[in-house]
Amino acid sequence: MTTITKLQSLRLADDAMLTLTYEEGADVFHYTGNEVEDAINETSVIQEFASLISDSKLDARNSWHGNILEYLRGEDLLEDYERGSGNFDEYLAEVLADNFYDIDMIEHSTEKYDHKRGFTTLTAEVQVPVSNYLEVVPFITGWTISVETEVGTVTINT
């Protein structure tokens, strides 16, 4: 059963919101103060997030800024990209990494094992209207989809 079939079988309202979550972490040395930067470099969270939101047909939102791509454009963070000059996903990932703390769209947490070592987890989360998701049908793997239903939260791993 495909993700699309599973979602259609739930008979969700068109305005229902799907929450897509991508989480990955890395072993780090937290005493250096670079644990988040190390996790950014050692995981694919930024690249996956950039790839997902770069599809202009997908209405990827968050609760603070609305449509994420429109927000980034409105903040003039995408001004330097010249259309047709290369891979927009890579450019977007670079912008997200360079402005990680200012944009504040990816959560981070560090579990400290001892005075030096730990594990930093990065979590990207977006909301997408179910009607838009089913219309665009993006090829998404590795993301968890959750949606509120009458009987509780349904979670689907892609």
C-alpha atoms as a PDB file:
ATOM      1  CA  MET A   1       0.000   0.000   0.000  1.00  0.00           C
ATOM      2  CA  THR A   2       1.515   3.333  -1.062  1.00  0.00           C
ATOM      3  CA  THR A   3       1.586   6.453   1.063  1.00  0.00           C
ATOM      4  CA  ILE A   4      -0.977   8.081  -1.242  1.00  0.00           C
ATOM      5  CA  THR A   5      -3.327   5.089  -0.920  1.00  0.00           C
ATOM      6  CA  LYS A   6      -2.950   5.138   2.868  1.00  0.00           C
ATOM      7  CA  LEU A   7      -3.780   8.838   3.036  1.00  0.00           C
ATOM      8  CA  GLN A   8      -6.750   8.480   0.682  1.00  0.00           C
ATOM      9  CA  SER A   9      -8.121   5.610   2.795  1.00  0.00           C
ATOM     10  CA  LEU A  10      -8.276   7.956   5.794  1.00  0.00           C
ATOM     11  CA  ARG A  11     -10.851  10.120   3.961  1.00  0.00           C
ATOM     12  CA  LEU A  12      -9.370  13.329   5.321  1.00  0.00           C
ATOM     13  CA  ALA A  13     -10.889  16.744   4.755  1.00  0.00           C
ATOM     14  CA  ASP A  14      -9.138  18.706   1.984  1.00  0.00           C
ATOM     15  CA  ASP A  15      -8.018  21.322   4.495  1.00  0.00           C
ATOM     16  CA  ALA A  16      -6.489  18.761   6.883  1.00  0.00           C
ATOM     17  CA  MET A  17      -2.815  19.411   7.520  1.00  0.00           C
ATOM     18  CA  LEU A  18      -0.128  16.758   7.211  1.00  0.00           C
ATOM     19  CA  THR A  19       2.971  17.149   9.350  1.00  0.00           C
ATOM     20  CA  LEU A  20       6.122  15.895   7.656  1.00  0.00           C
ATOM     21  CA  THR A  21       9.093  15.273   9.942  1.00  0.00           C
ATOM     22  CA  TYR A  22      12.684  14.380   9.083  1.00  0.00           C
ATOM     23  CA  GLU A  23      15.098  13.630  11.908  1.00  0.00           C
ATOM     24  CA  GLU A  24      18.723  12.585  11.943  1.00  0.00           C
ATOM     25  CA  GLY A  25      21.610  12.958  14.345  1.00  0.00           C
ATOM     26  CA  ALA A  26      25.353  12.631  14.735  1.00  0.00           C
ATOM     27  CA  ASP A  27      27.888  11.829  17.422  1.00  0.00           C
ATOM     28  CA  VAL A  28      29.572  15.070  18.451  1.00  0.00           C
ATOM     29  CA  PHE A  29      32.070  16.595  20.839  1.00  0.00           C
ATOM     30  CA  HIS A  30      29.863  19.133  22.604  1.00  0.00           C
ATOM     31  CA  TYR A  31      32.636  20.757  24.662  1.00  0.00           C
ATOM     32  CA  THR A  32      33.844  22.590  21.545  1.00  0.00           C
ATOM     33  CA  GLY A  33      30.527  24.418  21.148  1.00  0.00           C
ATOM     34  CA  ASN A  34      30.296  23.259  17.521  1.00  0.00           C
ATOM     35  CA  GLU A  35      27.895  20.364  18.020  1.00  0.00           C
ATOM     36  CA  VAL A  36      25.124  21.862  15.869  1.00  0.00           C
ATOM     37  CA  GLU A  37      27.500  22.769  13.040  1.00  0.00           C
ATOM     38  CA  ASP A  38      28.979  19.262  13.211  1.00  0.00           C
ATOM     39  CA  ALA A  39      25.492  17.721  12.991  1.00  0.00           C
ATOM     40  CA  ILE A  40      24.641  19.979  10.042  1.00  0.00           C
ATOM     41  CA  ASN A  41      27.751  18.750   8.230  1.00  0.00           C
ATOM     42  CA  GLU A  42      27.347  15.079   9.166  1.00  0.00           C
ATOM     43  CA  THR A  43      23.629  14.623   8.490  1.00  0.00           C
ATOM     44  CA  SER A  44      21.381  15.127   5.493  1.00  0.00           C
ATOM     45  CA  VAL A  45      18.669  17.083   7.335  1.00  0.00           C
ATOM     46  CA  ILE A  46      19.435  20.427   5.671  1.00  0.00           C
ATOM     47  CA  GLN A  47      19.604  18.814   2.206  1.00  0.00           C
ATOM     48  CA  GLU A  48      16.348  16.892   2.722  1.00  0.00           C
ATOM     49  CA  PHE A  49      14.586  19.992   4.035  1.00  0.00           C
ATOM     50  CA  ALA A  50      15.868  22.083   1.106  1.00  0.00           C
ATOM     51  CA  SER A  51      14.822  19.432  -1.392  1.00  0.00           C
ATOM     52  CA  LEU A  52      11.316  19.259   0.057  1.00  0.00           C
ATOM     53  CA  ILE A  53      10.630  22.991   0.266  1.00  0.00           C
ATOM     54  CA  SER A  54      12.257  23.820  -3.094  1.00  0.00           C
ATOM     55  CA  ASP A  55       9.317  22.346  -4.988  1.00  0.00           C
ATOM     56  CA  SER A  56       7.279  25.501  -5.565  1.00  0.00           C
ATOM     57  CA  LYS A  57       4.150  23.420  -6.214  1.00  0.00           C
ATOM     58  CA  LEU A  58       4.276  21.965  -2.697  1.00  0.00           C
ATOM     59  CA  ASP A  59       2.764  24.326  -0.118  1.00  0.00           C
ATOM     60  CA  ALA A  60       5.326  23.522   2.601  1.00  0.00           C
ATOM     61  CA  ARG A  61       4.534  25.660   5.628  1.00  0.00           C
ATOM     62  CA  ASN A  62       5.475  26.104   9.228  1.00  0.00           C
ATOM     63  CA  SER A  63       3.377  27.623  11.976  1.00  0.00           C
ATOM     64  CA  TRP A  64       5.517  30.766  12.333  1.00  0.00           C
ATOM     65  CA  HIS A  65       6.101  31.902   8.769  1.00  0.00           C
ATOM     66  CA  GLY A  66       3.451  30.338   6.530  1.00  0.00           C
ATOM     67  CA  ASN A  67       4.820  29.113   3.203  1.00  0.00           C
ATOM     68  CA  ILE A  68       8.522  28.572   3.870  1.00  0.00           C
ATOM     69  CA  LEU A  69       9.830  29.328   0.377  1.00  0.00           C
ATOM     70  CA  GLU A  70       7.811  32.558   0.196  1.00  0.00           C
ATOM     71  CA  TYR A  71       9.109  33.546   3.636  1.00  0.00           C
ATOM     72  CA  LEU A  72      12.731  32.997   2.570  1.00  0.00           C
ATOM     73  CA  ARG A  73      12.137  35.056  -0.579  1.00  0.00           C
ATOM     74  CA  GLY A  74      10.476  37.805   1.478  1.00  0.00           C
ATOM     75  CA  GLU A  75      13.505  37.943   3.771  1.00  0.00           C
ATOM     76  CA  ASP A  76      15.729  38.415   0.682  1.00  0.00           C
ATOM     77  CA  LEU A  77      17.662  35.247   1.459  1.00  0.00           C
ATOM     78  CA  LEU A  78      17.282  33.881  -2.057  1.00  0.00           C
ATOM     79  CA  GLU A  79      18.222  37.043  -3.964  1.00  0.00           C
ATOM     80  CA  ASP A  80      21.631  35.803  -5.078  1.00  0.00           C
ATOM     81  CA  TYR A  81      20.246  32.816  -6.960  1.00  0.00           C
ATOM     82  CA  GLU A  82      20.178  33.315 -10.702  1.00  0.00           C
ATOM     83  CA  ARG A  83      17.447  31.235 -12.321  1.00  0.00           C
ATOM     84  CA  GLY A  84      18.884  28.547 -14.531  1.00  0.00           C
ATOM     85  CA  SER A  85      22.335  28.921 -13.008  1.00  0.00           C
ATOM     86  CA  GLY A  86      22.414  25.549 -11.320  1.00  0.00           C
ATOM     87  CA  ASN A  87      20.832  23.302  -8.762  1.00  0.00           C
ATOM     88  CA  PHE A  88      18.364  25.317  -6.659  1.00  0.00           C
ATOM     89  CA  ASP A  89      18.254  22.564  -3.992  1.00  0.00           C
ATOM     90  CA  GLU A  90      21.998  22.926  -3.365  1.00  0.00           C
ATOM     91  CA  TYR A  91      21.776  26.719  -3.256  1.00  0.00           C
ATOM     92  CA  LEU A  92      18.846  26.552  -0.845  1.00  0.00           C
ATOM     93  CA  ALA A  93      20.664  24.055   1.396  1.00  0.00           C
ATOM     94  CA  GLU A  94      23.653  26.400   1.550  1.00  0.00           C
ATOM     95  CA  VAL A  95      21.421  29.353   2.478  1.00  0.00           C
ATOM     96  CA  LEU A  96      19.706  27.286   5.180  1.00  0.00           C
ATOM     97  CA  ALA A  97      23.024  26.134   6.645  1.00  0.00           C
ATOM     98  CA  ASP A  98      24.605  29.606   6.518  1.00  0.00           C
ATOM     99  CA  ASN A  99      21.566  31.186   8.196  1.00  0.00           C
ATOM    100  CA  PHE A 100      20.666  28.256  10.450  1.00  0.00           C
ATOM    101  CA  TYR A 101      20.221  30.236  13.667  1.00  0.00           C
ATOM    102  CA  ASP A 102      18.604  33.296  12.053  1.00  0.00           C
ATOM    103  CA  ILE A 103      16.036  31.279  10.111  1.00  0.00           C
ATOM    104  CA  ASP A 104      15.351  28.956  13.063  1.00  0.00           C
ATOM    105  CA  MET A 105      13.350  26.388  11.091  1.00  0.00           C
ATOM    106  CA  ILE A 106      15.173  23.231  12.138  1.00  0.00           C
ATOM    107  CA  GLU A 107      15.145  22.139  15.763  1.00  0.00           C
ATOM    108  CA  HIS A 108      18.292  20.859  17.425  1.00  0.00           C
ATOM    109  CA  SER A 109      18.998  19.094  20.685  1.00  0.00           C
ATOM    110  CA  THR A 110      22.106  17.565  22.194  1.00  0.00           C
ATOM    111  CA  GLU A 111      22.222  14.638  24.583  1.00  0.00           C
ATOM    112  CA  LYS A 112      25.449  14.855  26.567  1.00  0.00           C
ATOM    113  CA  TYR A 113      26.989  11.502  27.444  1.00  0.00           C
ATOM    114  CA  ASP A 114      29.852  12.926  29.498  1.00  0.00           C
ATOM    115  CA  HIS A 115      31.912  16.121  29.670  1.00  0.00           C
ATOM    116  CA  LYS A 116      33.033  15.801  26.016  1.00  0.00           C
ATOM    117  CA  ARG A 117      30.881  13.483  23.949  1.00  0.00           C
ATOM    118  CA  GLY A 118      27.244  13.608  22.971  1.00  0.00           C
ATOM    119  CA  PHE A 119      24.679  13.154  20.241  1.00  0.00           C
ATOM    120  CA  THR A 120      23.047  16.078  18.426  1.00  0.00           C
ATOM    121  CA  THR A 121      19.713  15.548  16.703  1.00  0.00           C
ATOM    122  CA  LEU A 122      18.368  17.852  14.001  1.00  0.00           C
ATOM    123  CA  THR A 123      14.639  17.786  13.262  1.00  0.00           C
ATOM    124  CA  ALA A 124      12.947  19.416  10.273  1.00  0.00           C
ATOM    125  CA  GLU A 125       9.179  19.715  10.324  1.00  0.00           C
ATOM    126  CA  VAL A 126       6.756  21.172   7.800  1.00  0.00           C
ATOM    127  CA  GLN A 127       3.011  21.229   7.403  1.00  0.00           C
ATOM    128  CA  VAL A 128       1.348  20.591   4.052  1.00  0.00           C
ATOM    129  CA  PRO A 129      -2.394  20.650   3.256  1.00  0.00           C
ATOM    130  CA  VAL A 130      -3.447  17.114   2.392  1.00  0.00           C
ATOM    131  CA  SER A 131      -5.133  18.259  -0.848  1.00  0.00           C
ATOM    132  CA  ASN A 132      -1.893  19.931  -1.991  1.00  0.00           C
ATOM    133  CA  TYR A 133       0.190  16.890  -1.042  1.00  0.00           C
ATOM    134  CA  LEU A 134      -2.091  14.521  -2.975  1.00  0.00           C
ATOM    135  CA  GLU A 135      -2.173  16.901  -5.956  1.00  0.00           C
ATOM    136  CA  VAL A 136       1.587  17.333  -6.185  1.00  0.00           C
ATOM    137  CA  VAL A 137       2.459  13.801  -5.054  1.00  0.00           C
ATOM    138  CA  PRO A 138       6.111  14.506  -4.291  1.00  0.00           C
ATOM    139  CA  PHE A 139       8.515  11.621  -4.107  1.00  0.00           C
ATOM    140  CA  ILE A 140       9.373  11.646  -0.434  1.00  0.00           C
ATOM    141  CA  THR A 141      11.395   9.028   1.400  1.00  0.00           C
ATOM    142  CA  GLY A 142      12.728   9.070   4.920  1.00  0.00           C
ATOM    143  CA  TRP A 143      10.100  11.540   6.151  1.00  0.00           C
ATOM    144  CA  THR A 144       7.428  10.628   8.679  1.00  0.00           C
ATOM    145  CA  ILE A 145       3.927  11.845   7.888  1.00  0.00           C
ATOM    146  CA  SER A 146       1.458  12.362  10.699  1.00  0.00           C
ATOM    147  CA  VAL A 147      -2.104  13.642  10.601  1.00  0.00           C
ATOM    148  CA  GLU A 148      -4.817  14.168  13.193  1.00  0.00           C
ATOM    149  CA  THR A 149      -7.946  12.080  12.634  1.00  0.00           C
ATOM    150  CA  GLU A 150     -11.135  11.537  14.601  1.00  0.00           C
ATOM    151  CA  VAL A 151      -9.554   8.545  16.362  1.00  0.00           C
ATOM    152  CA  GLY A 152      -6.140  10.064  17.053  1.00  0.00           C
ATOM    153  CA  THR A 153      -2.882  10.768  15.269  1.00  0.00           C
ATOM    154  CA  VAL A 154      -2.008   8.503  12.353  1.00  0.00           C
ATOM    155  CA  THR A 155       1.700   8.222  11.516  1.00  0.00           C
ATOM    156  CA  ILE A 156       3.030   6.918   8.214  1.00  0.00           C
ATOM    157  CA  ASN A 157       6.716   6.269   7.538  1.00  0.00           C
ATOM    158  CA  THR A 158       7.732   6.918   3.944  1.00  0.00           C
END
